[in-house]
């Protein structure tokens, strides 16, 4: 299985091919590079993932790339881990919504100054 790197603090102008080229110039074989885009705007969210070719050393790649500068931005590079359930801002099934504990959360029935 190919190793996957997380690359953070990317400049907003970087696209997939530029990310792949940056890692390739550092001496690593890349099988795929993906910059994550915002669904609403289509612009870069400032991070991406790089799949290294089979046999590439992940720890050596991290040591070599972490802290490197790309368009005046210091990159953060680490090993990517599979997304676990509950990530991406979702709430657990049956749990309360963020910031609310259920109920009406306000409205005419919460005022104690009148009888309804």
N, C-alpha and C. Protein backbone atom coordinates (compact mmCIF):
# COMPACT_ATOMS: atom_id res chain seq x y z
N UNK A 1 0.84 -1.18 0.00
CA UNK A 1 0.00 0.00 0.00
C UNK A 1 0.89 1.24 0.00
N UNK A 2 0.54 2.22 -0.80
CA UNK A 2 1.31 3.45 -0.90
C UNK A 2 1.14 4.28 0.36
N UNK A 3 2.17 5.02 0.71
CA UNK A 3 2.13 5.88 1.88
C UNK A 3 1.46 7.20 1.51
N UNK A 4 0.74 7.77 2.47
CA UNK A 4 0.02 9.02 2.21
C UNK A 4 0.48 10.08 3.19
N UNK A 5 0.78 11.27 2.65
CA UNK A 5 1.21 12.40 3.45
C UNK A 5 0.11 13.45 3.52
N UNK A 6 -0.01 14.08 4.67
CA UNK A 6 -0.85 15.27 4.82
C UNK A 6 0.07 16.46 4.67
N UNK A 7 -0.32 17.43 3.86
CA UNK A 7 0.47 18.64 3.67
C UNK A 7 -0.42 19.83 4.00
N UNK A 8 -0.07 20.54 5.07
CA UNK A 8 -0.87 21.68 5.52
C UNK A 8 -0.15 22.99 5.30
N UNK A 9 -0.91 24.07 5.45
CA UNK A 9 -0.44 25.44 5.29
C UNK A 9 -0.03 25.73 3.84
N UNK A 10 -0.74 25.12 2.91
CA UNK A 10 -0.47 25.36 1.49
C UNK A 10 -0.95 26.75 1.08
N UNK A 11 -0.21 27.41 0.21
CA UNK A 11 -0.71 28.66 -0.35
C UNK A 11 -2.00 28.39 -1.14
N UNK A 12 -2.90 29.32 -1.15
CA UNK A 12 -4.20 29.14 -1.83
C UNK A 12 -4.04 28.95 -3.33
N UNK A 13 -2.91 29.39 -3.88
CA UNK A 13 -2.71 29.30 -5.33
C UNK A 13 -2.22 27.93 -5.79
N UNK A 14 -1.84 27.05 -4.87
CA UNK A 14 -1.27 25.75 -5.25
C UNK A 14 -2.37 24.81 -5.73
N UNK A 15 -2.11 24.15 -6.85
CA UNK A 15 -3.03 23.16 -7.42
C UNK A 15 -2.37 21.79 -7.33
N UNK A 16 -3.12 20.74 -7.68
CA UNK A 16 -2.63 19.37 -7.57
C UNK A 16 -1.26 19.18 -8.23
N UNK A 17 -1.13 19.64 -9.46
CA UNK A 17 0.12 19.42 -10.20
C UNK A 17 1.30 20.14 -9.56
N UNK A 18 1.07 21.32 -9.01
CA UNK A 18 2.16 22.07 -8.35
C UNK A 18 2.59 21.36 -7.06
N UNK A 19 1.65 20.78 -6.33
CA UNK A 19 1.98 20.04 -5.12
C UNK A 19 2.80 18.79 -5.48
N UNK A 20 2.38 18.07 -6.50
CA UNK A 20 3.11 16.88 -6.95
C UNK A 20 4.52 17.25 -7.40
N UNK A 21 4.65 18.34 -8.13
CA UNK A 21 5.95 18.79 -8.61
C UNK A 21 6.87 19.16 -7.45
N UNK A 22 6.33 19.83 -6.44
CA UNK A 22 7.12 20.23 -5.27
C UNK A 22 7.71 19.00 -4.57
N UNK A 23 6.89 17.98 -4.37
CA UNK A 23 7.36 16.76 -3.70
C UNK A 23 8.34 15.99 -4.58
N UNK A 24 8.10 15.98 -5.88
CA UNK A 24 8.99 15.30 -6.82
C UNK A 24 10.37 15.98 -6.84
N UNK A 25 10.39 17.32 -6.83
CA UNK A 25 11.66 18.05 -6.82
C UNK A 25 12.46 17.77 -5.54
N UNK A 26 11.77 17.39 -4.47
CA UNK A 26 12.45 17.05 -3.22
C UNK A 26 13.05 15.65 -3.27
N UNK A 27 12.80 14.91 -4.35
CA UNK A 27 13.43 13.61 -4.54
C UNK A 27 12.54 12.42 -4.25
N UNK A 28 11.23 12.60 -4.25
CA UNK A 28 10.30 11.50 -3.96
C UNK A 28 9.41 11.24 -5.15
N UNK A 29 9.08 9.98 -5.36
CA UNK A 29 8.17 9.61 -6.44
C UNK A 29 6.74 9.73 -5.94
N UNK A 30 5.92 10.43 -6.70
CA UNK A 30 4.53 10.69 -6.33
C UNK A 30 3.61 9.91 -7.24
N UNK A 31 2.63 9.21 -6.64
CA UNK A 31 1.64 8.53 -7.47
C UNK A 31 0.38 9.38 -7.62
N UNK A 32 0.11 10.27 -6.66
CA UNK A 32 -1.05 11.17 -6.76
C UNK A 32 -0.88 12.31 -5.76
N UNK A 33 -1.42 13.46 -6.12
CA UNK A 33 -1.43 14.62 -5.22
C UNK A 33 -2.78 15.31 -5.37
N UNK A 34 -3.38 15.64 -4.23
CA UNK A 34 -4.70 16.26 -4.26
C UNK A 34 -4.75 17.43 -3.29
N UNK A 35 -5.08 18.61 -3.79
CA UNK A 35 -5.32 19.77 -2.95
C UNK A 35 -6.81 19.80 -2.66
N UNK A 36 -7.19 19.92 -1.40
CA UNK A 36 -8.60 19.88 -1.02
C UNK A 36 -9.23 21.24 -1.27
N UNK A 37 -10.37 21.22 -1.97
CA UNK A 37 -11.06 22.45 -2.35
C UNK A 37 -12.33 22.64 -1.53
N UNK A 38 -12.68 23.89 -1.29
CA UNK A 38 -13.92 24.23 -0.63
C UNK A 38 -15.07 23.97 -1.60
N UNK A 39 -16.10 23.28 -1.14
CA UNK A 39 -17.22 22.93 -2.02
C UNK A 39 -17.97 24.15 -2.52
N UNK A 40 -18.12 25.16 -1.66
CA UNK A 40 -18.91 26.33 -2.02
C UNK A 40 -18.17 27.27 -2.98
N UNK A 41 -16.87 27.49 -2.73
CA UNK A 41 -16.13 28.48 -3.52
C UNK A 41 -15.23 27.87 -4.59
N UNK A 42 -14.87 26.60 -4.43
CA UNK A 42 -13.96 25.97 -5.37
C UNK A 42 -12.51 26.35 -5.15
N UNK A 43 -12.22 27.12 -4.09
CA UNK A 43 -10.85 27.53 -3.79
C UNK A 43 -10.19 26.54 -2.83
N UNK A 44 -8.88 26.55 -2.82
CA UNK A 44 -8.12 25.67 -1.95
C UNK A 44 -8.45 25.95 -0.49
N UNK A 45 -8.52 24.88 0.31
CA UNK A 45 -8.74 25.01 1.75
C UNK A 45 -7.41 25.09 2.50
N UNK A 46 -6.29 25.06 1.76
CA UNK A 46 -4.98 25.25 2.37
C UNK A 46 -4.30 23.97 2.82
N UNK A 47 -4.83 22.82 2.41
CA UNK A 47 -4.17 21.56 2.71
C UNK A 47 -4.44 20.56 1.62
N UNK A 48 -3.65 19.49 1.64
CA UNK A 48 -3.82 18.46 0.63
C UNK A 48 -3.15 17.17 1.05
N UNK A 49 -3.19 16.20 0.16
CA UNK A 49 -2.63 14.88 0.42
C UNK A 49 -1.76 14.46 -0.75
N UNK A 50 -0.68 13.77 -0.43
CA UNK A 50 0.23 13.26 -1.45
C UNK A 50 0.40 11.77 -1.21
N UNK A 51 0.13 10.98 -2.24
CA UNK A 51 0.37 9.54 -2.19
C UNK A 51 1.74 9.29 -2.79
N UNK A 52 2.63 8.74 -1.97
CA UNK A 52 3.97 8.42 -2.44
C UNK A 52 3.94 7.08 -3.17
N UNK A 53 4.84 6.92 -4.11
CA UNK A 53 4.94 5.66 -4.86
C UNK A 53 5.35 4.54 -3.92
N UNK A 54 5.03 3.34 -4.32
CA UNK A 54 5.37 2.14 -3.53
C UNK A 54 6.86 2.13 -3.22
N UNK A 55 7.19 1.85 -1.97
CA UNK A 55 8.57 1.73 -1.56
C UNK A 55 9.20 3.00 -1.04
N UNK A 56 8.51 4.14 -1.16
CA UNK A 56 9.05 5.39 -0.64
C UNK A 56 8.96 5.39 0.89
N UNK A 57 9.96 5.97 1.54
CA UNK A 57 10.03 6.02 3.00
C UNK A 57 9.26 7.24 3.51
N UNK A 58 8.16 7.00 4.21
CA UNK A 58 7.30 8.08 4.70
C UNK A 58 8.04 8.97 5.69
N UNK A 59 8.74 8.37 6.63
CA UNK A 59 9.43 9.17 7.65
C UNK A 59 10.52 10.04 7.04
N UNK A 60 11.20 9.53 6.06
CA UNK A 60 12.23 10.32 5.36
C UNK A 60 11.58 11.48 4.61
N UNK A 61 10.44 11.22 3.99
CA UNK A 61 9.73 12.28 3.27
C UNK A 61 9.25 13.37 4.23
N UNK A 62 8.72 12.96 5.38
CA UNK A 62 8.25 13.94 6.37
C UNK A 62 9.43 14.78 6.85
N UNK A 63 10.53 14.12 7.19
CA UNK A 63 11.71 14.85 7.68
C UNK A 63 12.23 15.83 6.64
N UNK A 64 12.16 15.44 5.38
CA UNK A 64 12.67 16.28 4.31
C UNK A 64 11.74 17.44 3.97
N UNK A 65 10.43 17.21 4.00
CA UNK A 65 9.47 18.21 3.52
C UNK A 65 8.90 19.11 4.61
N UNK A 66 8.79 18.62 5.84
CA UNK A 66 8.18 19.41 6.91
C UNK A 66 9.00 20.66 7.17
N UNK A 67 8.34 21.81 7.16
CA UNK A 67 9.01 23.08 7.39
C UNK A 67 9.57 23.73 6.13
N UNK A 68 9.53 23.02 5.00
CA UNK A 68 10.00 23.61 3.74
C UNK A 68 9.07 24.75 3.34
N UNK A 69 9.61 25.69 2.57
CA UNK A 69 8.84 26.86 2.15
C UNK A 69 8.34 26.68 0.73
N UNK A 70 7.07 26.98 0.53
CA UNK A 70 6.46 26.98 -0.79
C UNK A 70 5.68 28.28 -0.92
N UNK A 71 6.10 29.16 -1.82
CA UNK A 71 5.49 30.47 -2.01
C UNK A 71 5.38 31.22 -0.68
N UNK A 72 6.49 31.30 0.04
CA UNK A 72 6.60 32.03 1.31
C UNK A 72 5.74 31.47 2.43
N UNK A 73 5.36 30.20 2.35
CA UNK A 73 4.60 29.56 3.44
C UNK A 73 5.35 28.32 3.90
N UNK A 74 5.52 28.18 5.21
CA UNK A 74 6.17 27.00 5.77
C UNK A 74 5.17 25.87 5.84
N UNK A 75 5.47 24.78 5.16
CA UNK A 75 4.54 23.66 5.09
C UNK A 75 4.60 22.79 6.34
N UNK A 76 3.47 22.21 6.67
CA UNK A 76 3.37 21.23 7.75
C UNK A 76 3.10 19.89 7.09
N UNK A 77 4.01 18.95 7.27
CA UNK A 77 3.88 17.65 6.62
C UNK A 77 3.89 16.57 7.69
N UNK A 78 2.92 15.67 7.61
CA UNK A 78 2.85 14.54 8.53
C UNK A 78 2.23 13.36 7.80
N UNK A 79 2.24 12.22 8.48
CA UNK A 79 1.63 11.04 7.89
C UNK A 79 0.11 11.19 7.97
N UNK A 80 -0.56 10.95 6.87
CA UNK A 80 -2.02 11.02 6.85
C UNK A 80 -2.59 9.75 7.46
N UNK A 81 -3.65 9.92 8.22
CA UNK A 81 -4.33 8.78 8.83
C UNK A 81 -5.75 8.70 8.27
N UNK A 82 -6.31 7.51 8.18
CA UNK A 82 -7.67 7.39 7.67
C UNK A 82 -8.64 8.19 8.55
N UNK A 83 -9.62 8.77 7.90
CA UNK A 83 -10.64 9.54 8.61
C UNK A 83 -11.48 8.59 9.45
N UNK A 84 -11.73 8.96 10.68
CA UNK A 84 -12.54 8.12 11.55
C UNK A 84 -13.96 8.63 11.58
N UNK A 85 -14.86 7.77 11.97
CA UNK A 85 -16.26 8.16 12.04
C UNK A 85 -16.42 9.28 13.05
N UNK A 86 -17.24 10.23 12.73
CA UNK A 86 -17.47 11.35 13.62
C UNK A 86 -16.66 12.58 13.26
N UNK A 87 -15.70 12.45 12.37
CA UNK A 87 -14.95 13.62 11.93
C UNK A 87 -15.78 14.41 10.93
N UNK A 88 -15.23 15.49 10.46
CA UNK A 88 -15.87 16.40 9.50
C UNK A 88 -17.01 17.17 10.11
N UNK A 89 -16.99 17.37 11.43
CA UNK A 89 -17.97 18.24 12.06
C UNK A 89 -19.33 17.62 12.26
N UNK A 90 -19.46 16.32 12.05
CA UNK A 90 -20.76 15.72 12.24
C UNK A 90 -20.97 15.39 13.70
N UNK A 91 -22.19 15.23 14.10
CA UNK A 91 -22.49 14.89 15.48
C UNK A 91 -22.83 13.41 15.56
N UNK A 92 -22.64 12.83 16.72
CA UNK A 92 -22.95 11.41 16.85
C UNK A 92 -24.44 11.16 16.70
N UNK A 93 -24.82 10.02 16.16
CA UNK A 93 -26.24 9.73 15.99
C UNK A 93 -26.98 9.81 17.32
N UNK A 94 -28.08 10.51 17.32
CA UNK A 94 -28.90 10.63 18.52
C UNK A 94 -28.40 11.64 19.52
N UNK A 95 -27.26 12.26 19.25
CA UNK A 95 -26.70 13.23 20.18
C UNK A 95 -27.24 14.62 19.90
N UNK A 96 -27.01 15.53 20.82
CA UNK A 96 -27.52 16.90 20.63
C UNK A 96 -26.74 17.64 19.55
N UNK A 97 -27.39 18.60 18.95
CA UNK A 97 -26.73 19.45 17.98
C UNK A 97 -25.74 20.33 18.72
N UNK A 98 -24.75 20.85 18.01
CA UNK A 98 -23.75 21.70 18.64
C UNK A 98 -24.38 22.92 19.27
N UNK A 99 -23.99 23.18 20.51
CA UNK A 99 -24.42 24.41 21.17
C UNK A 99 -25.86 24.38 21.65
N UNK A 100 -26.55 23.33 21.46
CA UNK A 100 -27.95 23.26 21.88
C UNK A 100 -28.15 21.96 22.63
N UNK A 101 -29.08 21.98 23.55
CA UNK A 101 -29.34 20.74 24.29
C UNK A 101 -30.74 20.24 24.01
N UNK A 102 -31.36 20.72 22.97
CA UNK A 102 -32.70 20.27 22.60
C UNK A 102 -33.75 21.26 23.06
N UNK A 103 -34.99 20.93 22.88
CA UNK A 103 -36.07 21.83 23.28
C UNK A 103 -36.26 22.95 22.29
N UNK A 104 -37.06 23.93 22.70
CA UNK A 104 -37.35 25.05 21.81
C UNK A 104 -36.20 26.04 21.72
N UNK A 105 -35.45 26.20 22.80
CA UNK A 105 -34.32 27.13 22.77
C UNK A 105 -34.74 28.57 22.73
N UNK A 106 -35.93 28.89 23.14
CA UNK A 106 -36.39 30.27 23.14
C UNK A 106 -37.76 30.37 22.52
N UNK A 107 -38.34 31.51 22.63
CA UNK A 107 -39.66 31.70 22.03
C UNK A 107 -40.67 32.11 23.09
N UNK A 108 -41.92 32.17 22.70
CA UNK A 108 -42.95 32.73 23.57
C UNK A 108 -43.18 31.94 24.85
N UNK A 109 -42.92 30.65 24.85
CA UNK A 109 -43.16 29.85 26.04
C UNK A 109 -42.08 30.01 27.09
N UNK A 110 -40.97 30.62 26.75
CA UNK A 110 -39.89 30.80 27.71
C UNK A 110 -40.04 32.09 28.51
N UNK A 111 -40.93 32.99 28.12
CA UNK A 111 -41.09 34.24 28.86
C UNK A 111 -41.93 34.00 30.10
N UNK A 112 -41.42 34.40 31.23
CA UNK A 112 -42.14 34.19 32.48
C UNK A 112 -43.06 35.35 32.87
N UNK A 113 -43.09 36.40 32.03
CA UNK A 113 -43.86 37.58 32.41
C UNK A 113 -45.33 37.52 31.98
N UNK A 114 -45.72 36.54 31.25
CA UNK A 114 -47.11 36.44 30.80
C UNK A 114 -47.63 35.02 30.95
N UNK A 115 -48.93 34.89 31.13
CA UNK A 115 -49.57 33.59 31.12
C UNK A 115 -50.15 33.34 29.74
N UNK A 116 -49.94 32.17 29.23
CA UNK A 116 -50.49 31.82 27.91
C UNK A 116 -51.49 30.73 28.05
